[in-house]
C-alpha atoms as a PDB file:
ATOM      1  CA  MET A   1     -35.791 -23.264   0.976  1.00  0.00           C
ATOM      2  CA  GLU A   2     -35.836 -23.869  -2.195  1.00  0.00           C
ATOM      3  CA  LEU A   3     -32.364 -23.302  -3.843  1.00  0.00           C
ATOM      4  CA  GLU A   4     -33.882 -21.009  -6.933  1.00  0.00           C
ATOM      5  CA  GLU A   5     -35.260 -18.888  -3.999  1.00  0.00           C
ATOM      6  CA  ARG A   6     -31.335 -19.225  -2.184  1.00  0.00           C
ATOM      7  CA  VAL A   7     -29.638 -17.926  -4.963  1.00  0.00           C
ATOM      8  CA  ALA A   8     -32.190 -15.092  -5.536  1.00  0.00           C
ATOM      9  CA  GLU A   9     -32.250 -14.249  -1.696  1.00  0.00           C
ATOM     10  CA  LEU A  10     -28.306 -14.065  -2.944  1.00  0.00           C
ATOM     11  CA  GLU A  11     -28.781 -12.181  -6.156  1.00  0.00           C
ATOM     12  CA  ARG A  12     -30.504  -9.490  -3.912  1.00  0.00           C
ATOM     13  CA  ARG A  13     -28.016  -9.435  -1.375  1.00  0.00           C
ATOM     14  CA  LEU A  14     -24.868  -9.410  -3.657  1.00  0.00           C
ATOM     15  CA  ALA A  15     -27.395  -6.740  -5.549  1.00  0.00           C
ATOM     16  CA  ALA A  16     -27.821  -4.647  -2.235  1.00  0.00           C
ATOM     17  CA  LEU A  17     -23.796  -4.882  -1.606  1.00  0.00           C
ATOM     18  CA  GLU A  18     -22.528  -3.153  -4.423  1.00  0.00           C
ATOM     19  CA  ARG A  19     -25.152  -0.519  -4.836  1.00  0.00           C
ATOM     20  CA  ALA A  20     -23.802   0.477  -1.034  1.00  0.00           C
ATOM     21  CA  ASP A  21     -20.305   0.504  -2.152  1.00  0.00           C
ATOM     22  CA  ARG A  22     -20.693   2.502  -4.931  1.00  0.00           C
ATOM     23  CA  ASP A  23     -22.294   4.934  -3.297  1.00  0.00           C
ATOM     24  CA  ARG A  24     -19.712   5.523  -0.619  1.00  0.00           C
ATOM     25  CA  GLY A  25     -17.392   5.667  -2.851  1.00  0.00           C
ATOM     26  CA  ALA A  26     -15.662   2.753  -2.006  1.00  0.00           C
ATOM     27  CA  GLY A  27     -12.013   1.334  -2.857  1.00  0.00           C
ATOM     28  CA  SER A  28     -10.248   3.567  -0.639  1.00  0.00           C
ATOM     29  CA  ARG A  29      -8.191   1.450   1.808  1.00  0.00           C
ATOM     30  CA  SER A  30      -7.690   4.875   4.169  1.00  0.00           C
ATOM     31  CA  GLY A  31     -10.191   7.301   2.740  1.00  0.00           C
ATOM     32  CA  ALA A  32      -7.308   9.381   2.090  1.00  0.00           C
ATOM     33  CA  ARG A  33      -7.744  11.904  -0.447  1.00  0.00           C
ATOM     34  CA  GLY A  34      -5.362  14.464  -2.064  1.00  0.00           C
ATOM     35  CA  ALA A  35      -6.361  18.196  -2.720  1.00  0.00           C
ATOM     36  CA  ASP A  36      -7.269  17.457  -6.030  1.00  0.00           C
ATOM     37  CA  GLY A  37     -10.070  14.680  -4.285  1.00  0.00           C
ATOM     38  CA  ALA A  38      -7.962  11.615  -5.749  1.00  0.00           C
ATOM     39  CA  ASP A  39      -8.196   8.801  -3.068  1.00  0.00           C
ATOM     40  CA  GLY A  40      -4.220   7.634  -4.494  1.00  0.00           C
ATOM     41  CA  THR A  41      -4.917   3.512  -4.014  1.00  0.00           C
ATOM     42  CA  ASP A  42      -5.465   1.482  -6.825  1.00  0.00           C
ATOM     43  CA  GLY A  43      -8.539   0.357  -5.313  1.00  0.00           C
ATOM     44  CA  ALA A  44      -6.990  -3.135  -4.562  1.00  0.00           C
ATOM     45  CA  GLU A  45      -7.912  -3.552  -0.680  1.00  0.00           C
ATOM     46  CA  PRO A  46     -10.670  -3.495   0.586  1.00  0.00           C
ATOM     47  CA  PRO A  47     -12.507  -0.536   2.571  1.00  0.00           C
ATOM     48  CA  LEU A  48     -12.812  -0.536   5.786  1.00  0.00           C
ATOM     49  CA  PRO A  49     -16.144  -0.931   7.622  1.00  0.00           C
ATOM     50  CA  GLY A  50     -18.158   1.844   8.971  1.00  0.00           C
ATOM     51  CA  GLY A  51     -17.924   3.927   5.528  1.00  0.00           C
ATOM     52  CA  ASP A  52     -15.442   6.154   3.806  1.00  0.00           C
ATOM     53  CA  LEU A  53     -13.586   8.327   5.769  1.00  0.00           C
ATOM     54  CA  TRP A  54     -15.099   8.042   9.452  1.00  0.00           C
ATOM     55  CA  ALA A  55     -12.142   8.922  11.311  1.00  0.00           C
ATOM     56  CA  LEU A  56     -11.744  11.583   9.772  1.00  0.00           C
ATOM     57  CA  HIS A  57     -15.339  12.912  10.548  1.00  0.00           C
ATOM     58  CA  HIS A  58     -14.954  11.189  14.431  1.00  0.00           C
ATOM     59  CA  LEU A  59     -12.166  13.408  14.545  1.00  0.00           C
ATOM     60  CA  LYS A  60     -13.370  16.911  13.059  1.00  0.00           C
ATOM     61  CA  SER A  61     -16.247  16.398  15.624  1.00  0.00           C
ATOM     62  CA  GLU A  62     -13.651  15.834  18.749  1.00  0.00           C
ATOM     63  CA  LEU A  63     -11.475  18.824  17.416  1.00  0.00           C
ATOM     64  CA  LYS A  64     -14.448  21.578  16.953  1.00  0.00           C
ATOM     65  CA  ARG A  65     -15.701  20.298  20.330  1.00  0.00           C
ATOM     66  CA  ALA A  66     -12.214  21.002  21.687  1.00  0.00           C
ATOM     67  CA  GLY A  67     -12.171  24.652  19.663  1.00  0.00           C
ATOM     68  CA  SER A  68      -9.415  23.673  17.820  1.00  0.00           C
ATOM     69  CA  PRO A  69      -9.257  25.888  14.486  1.00  0.00           C
ATOM     70  CA  GLY A  70      -5.951  24.714  13.457  1.00  0.00           C
ATOM     71  CA  GLY A  71      -7.187  21.112  13.276  1.00  0.00           C
ATOM     72  CA  GLY A  72      -5.028  18.083  14.317  1.00  0.00           C
ATOM     73  CA  VAL A  73      -3.577  14.653  13.464  1.00  0.00           C
ATOM     74  CA  LEU A  74      -4.749  10.820  14.385  1.00  0.00           C
ATOM     75  CA  TYR A  75      -3.208   7.851  14.087  1.00  0.00           C
ATOM     76  CA  THR A  76      -4.623   4.805  15.696  1.00  0.00           C
ATOM     77  CA  GLY A  77      -4.405   1.005  14.862  1.00  0.00           C
ATOM     78  CA  SER A  78      -5.581  -2.125  16.712  1.00  0.00           C
ATOM     79  CA  VAL A  79      -2.944  -5.047  15.227  1.00  0.00           C
ATOM     80  CA  ARG A  80      -2.614  -9.195  15.706  1.00  0.00           C
ATOM     81  CA  LEU A  81       0.597 -10.084  15.121  1.00  0.00           C
ATOM     82  CA  PRO A  82       1.120 -13.580  13.220  1.00  0.00           C
ATOM     83  CA  ALA A  83       2.929 -14.863  16.904  1.00  0.00           C
ATOM     84  CA  GLY A  84      -0.286 -13.466  18.435  1.00  0.00           C
ATOM     85  CA  GLU A  85       0.007 -10.590  20.609  1.00  0.00           C
ATOM     86  CA  ARG A  86      -1.910  -7.996  20.090  1.00  0.00           C
ATOM     87  CA  TYR A  87      -1.682  -3.923  20.241  1.00  0.00           C
ATOM     88  CA  GLU A  88      -3.969  -1.497  20.104  1.00  0.00           C
ATOM     89  CA  TRP A  89      -2.398   2.156  20.122  1.00  0.00           C
ATOM     90  CA  GLN A  90      -3.872   5.914  19.237  1.00  0.00           C
ATOM     91  CA  TYR A  91      -1.669   8.951  19.270  1.00  0.00           C
ATOM     92  CA  GLY A  92      -3.651  12.402  18.692  1.00  0.00           C
ATOM     93  CA  ALA A  93      -1.684  16.107  18.895  1.00  0.00           C
ATOM     94  CA  LEU A  94      -2.852  19.341  17.259  1.00  0.00           C
ATOM     95  CA  THR A  95      -1.446  21.043  14.081  1.00  0.00           C
ATOM     96  CA  ASP A  96      -0.599  24.096  15.696  1.00  0.00           C
ATOM     97  CA  GLY A  97       2.084  22.411  18.030  1.00  0.00           C
ATOM     98  CA  LEU A  98       3.394  20.413  15.539  1.00  0.00           C
ATOM     99  CA  LEU A  99       3.926  23.245  13.469  1.00  0.00           C
ATOM    100  CA  ALA A 100       5.270  25.130  16.601  1.00  0.00           C
ATOM    101  CA  ALA A 101       8.113  21.536  17.560  1.00  0.00           C
ATOM    102  CA  ASP A 102      11.491  21.395  16.950  1.00  0.00           C
ATOM    103  CA  TRP A 103      11.208  18.611  14.683  1.00  0.00           C
ATOM    104  CA  SER A 104      14.937  17.779  14.045  1.00  0.00           C
ATOM    105  CA  GLY A 105      15.114  15.741  16.582  1.00  0.00           C
ATOM    106  CA  THR A 106      12.757  13.002  14.864  1.00  0.00           C
ATOM    107  CA  SER A 107      15.936  12.543  11.771  1.00  0.00           C
ATOM    108  CA  GLU A 108      17.677   9.568  13.455  1.00  0.00           C
ATOM    109  CA  SER A 109      14.420   7.415  13.643  1.00  0.00           C
ATOM    110  CA  PHE A 110      13.859   8.167  10.502  1.00  0.00           C
ATOM    111  CA  ALA A 111      17.333   7.548   8.895  1.00  0.00           C
ATOM    112  CA  ALA A 112      17.090   4.190  10.938  1.00  0.00           C
ATOM    113  CA  LEU A 113      14.169   3.128   8.576  1.00  0.00           C
ATOM    114  CA  GLY A 114      15.809   4.310   5.481  1.00  0.00           C
ATOM    115  CA  HIS A 115      17.857   0.751   4.707  1.00  0.00           C
ATOM    116  CA  PRO A 116      15.761  -2.152   3.349  1.00  0.00           C
ATOM    117  CA  VAL A 117      17.646  -4.360   5.261  1.00  0.00           C
ATOM    118  CA  ARG A 118      16.249  -2.725   8.210  1.00  0.00           C
ATOM    119  CA  LEU A 119      12.740  -2.810   7.248  1.00  0.00           C
ATOM    120  CA  ARG A 120      13.078  -6.646   6.241  1.00  0.00           C
ATOM    121  CA  LEU A 121      14.363  -7.098  10.257  1.00  0.00           C
ATOM    122  CA  LEU A 122      11.694  -4.810  11.768  1.00  0.00           C
ATOM    123  CA  ARG A 123       8.926  -7.356   9.348  1.00  0.00           C
ATOM    124  CA  GLU A 124      10.596 -10.200  10.658  1.00  0.00           C
ATOM    125  CA  ILE A 125      10.346  -9.472  14.066  1.00  0.00           C
ATOM    126  CA  LEU A 126       7.260  -8.653  13.990  1.00  0.00           C
ATOM    127  CA  GLY A 127       6.172 -12.019  11.718  1.00  0.00           C
ATOM    128  CA  GLY A 128       7.583 -13.726  15.164  1.00  0.00           C
ATOM    129  CA  ARG A 129      10.964 -14.197  13.695  1.00  0.00           C
ATOM    130  CA  ARG A 130      13.428 -12.633  16.974  1.00  0.00           C
ATOM    131  CA  THR A 131      16.648 -14.253  17.754  1.00  0.00           C
ATOM    132  CA  THR A 132      19.321 -13.339  16.105  1.00  0.00           C
ATOM    133  CA  ALA A 133      19.954 -16.818  15.852  1.00  0.00           C
ATOM    134  CA  GLU A 134      16.448 -17.126  13.677  1.00  0.00           C
ATOM    135  CA  LEU A 135      17.093 -13.433  11.631  1.00  0.00           C
ATOM    136  CA  ALA A 136      20.316 -14.461  10.689  1.00  0.00           C
ATOM    137  CA  GLU A 137      18.419 -17.680   8.716  1.00  0.00           C
ATOM    138  CA  VAL A 138      16.855 -14.921   6.735  1.00  0.00           C
ATOM    139  CA  ASP A 139      19.720 -14.847   3.657  1.00  0.00           C
ATOM    140  CA  GLU A 140      19.066 -10.872   2.503  1.00  0.00           C
ATOM    141  CA  LEU A 141      20.078  -9.577   5.684  1.00  0.00           C
ATOM    142  CA  GLY A 142      23.720 -10.128   4.835  1.00  0.00           C
ATOM    143  CA  THR A 143      26.630 -11.421   6.927  1.00  0.00           C
ATOM    144  CA  THR A 144      26.234 -11.506  10.694  1.00  0.00           C
ATOM    145  CA  GLY A 145      28.221  -8.743  11.437  1.00  0.00           C
ATOM    146  CA  GLN A 146      26.015  -6.808   9.126  1.00  0.00           C
ATOM    147  CA  LEU A 147      23.310  -8.019  10.924  1.00  0.00           C
ATOM    148  CA  TYR A 148      24.477  -6.813  14.137  1.00  0.00           C
ATOM    149  CA  HIS A 149      25.221  -3.276  12.431  1.00  0.00           C
ATOM    150  CA  HIS A 150      21.445  -3.491  11.172  1.00  0.00           C
ATOM    151  CA  LEU A 151      20.206  -4.711  14.850  1.00  0.00           C
ATOM    152  CA  ARG A 152      22.460  -1.771  16.567  1.00  0.00           C
ATOM    153  CA  GLN A 153      21.222   0.953  14.603  1.00  0.00           C
ATOM    154  CA  LEU A 154      17.242  -0.162  15.157  1.00  0.00           C
ATOM    155  CA  THR A 155      17.743  -0.606  19.034  1.00  0.00           C
ATOM    156  CA  GLY A 156      20.065   2.816  19.203  1.00  0.00           C
ATOM    157  CA  THR A 157      16.972   4.652  17.995  1.00  0.00           C
ATOM    158  CA  GLY A 158      14.038   2.559  19.572  1.00  0.00           C
ATOM    159  CA  TRP A 159      12.789   1.016  17.035  1.00  0.00           C
ATOM    160  CA  LEU A 160      13.996  -2.923  18.640  1.00  0.00           C
ATOM    161  CA  HIS A 161      14.764  -3.478  22.280  1.00  0.00           C
ATOM    162  CA  THR A 162      16.313  -6.279  23.444  1.00  0.00           C
ATOM    163  CA  PRO A 163      14.167  -8.481  26.606  1.00  0.00           C
ATOM    164  CA  ALA A 164      17.318 -10.974  27.090  1.00  0.00           C
ATOM    165  CA  ARG A 165      19.941 -11.797  24.702  1.00  0.00           C
ATOM    166  CA  GLY A 166      20.005 -12.495  21.631  1.00  0.00           C
ATOM    167  CA  ARG A 167      16.426 -11.589  21.211  1.00  0.00           C
ATOM    168  CA  TYR A 168      14.876  -8.635  19.738  1.00  0.00           C
ATOM    169  CA  GLU A 169      10.910  -7.346  19.834  1.00  0.00           C
ATOM    170  CA  ILE A 170       9.661  -4.091  18.568  1.00  0.00           C
ATOM    171  CA  PRO A 171       8.519  -1.812  21.532  1.00  0.00           C
ATOM    172  CA  ALA A 172       4.489  -2.055  22.050  1.00  0.00           C
ATOM    173  CA  ALA A 173       4.689   1.639  21.733  1.00  0.00           C
ATOM    174  CA  ARG A 174       6.360   1.222  18.444  1.00  0.00           C
ATOM    175  CA  VAL A 175       4.466  -1.032  16.106  1.00  0.00           C
ATOM    176  CA  VAL A 176       1.093   0.905  15.082  1.00  0.00           C
ATOM    177  CA  PRO A 177       3.678   3.622  14.654  1.00  0.00           C
ATOM    178  CA  LEU A 178       5.745   1.682  12.606  1.00  0.00           C
ATOM    179  CA  LEU A 179       2.959   0.150  10.627  1.00  0.00           C
ATOM    180  CA  VAL A 180       1.372   3.919  10.095  1.00  0.00           C
ATOM    181  CA  MET A 181       4.808   5.056   9.079  1.00  0.00           C
ATOM    182  CA  ILE A 182       4.952   2.105   6.401  1.00  0.00           C
ATOM    183  CA  THR A 183       1.433   2.684   4.861  1.00  0.00           C
ATOM    184  CA  ALA A 184       2.142   6.068   4.994  1.00  0.00           C
ATOM    185  CA  ALA A 185       5.442   6.198   2.806  1.00  0.00           C
ATOM    186  CA  GLY A 186       3.725   3.199   0.132  1.00  0.00           C
ATOM    187  CA  PRO A 187       1.925   3.880  -3.113  1.00  0.00           C
END
């Protein structure tokens, strides 16, 4: 194939991709839409494959099949961390059950995430720093005493566990939920 033919083919394919992108209203990182129809994103992240709101359409289909008029929520993720660990996780709940539940037991878990140093600790641990010595090297985490205080807060609320002395990990069942919460709290 000559250079001119290759360029023409690339231009045709690019135009088709741009058309498909425009047709499905891409630019939303999650497909989340508010009551006003705005997707709440600035379009900085690429859309997920499968079209706009693909997970929502599947959830609605499953809720209809289950006969749940109140609806439900679903969060899921497939994550590969920088250190190579893979986590795949999914959780769904019916709205009626969530609204009837006592939420007071979640306050300590949320409170533990309510400090910038703790969020930084969790990000560092997800990024591969796992030992107290590695974490102490990060200047923004404070003194050793402050570091231990924050690690105790996160461990006490289940955001961290210690598989060995001086080594911290985020439990597998908490990795995707943590990232979901960070995503939900973001702009």
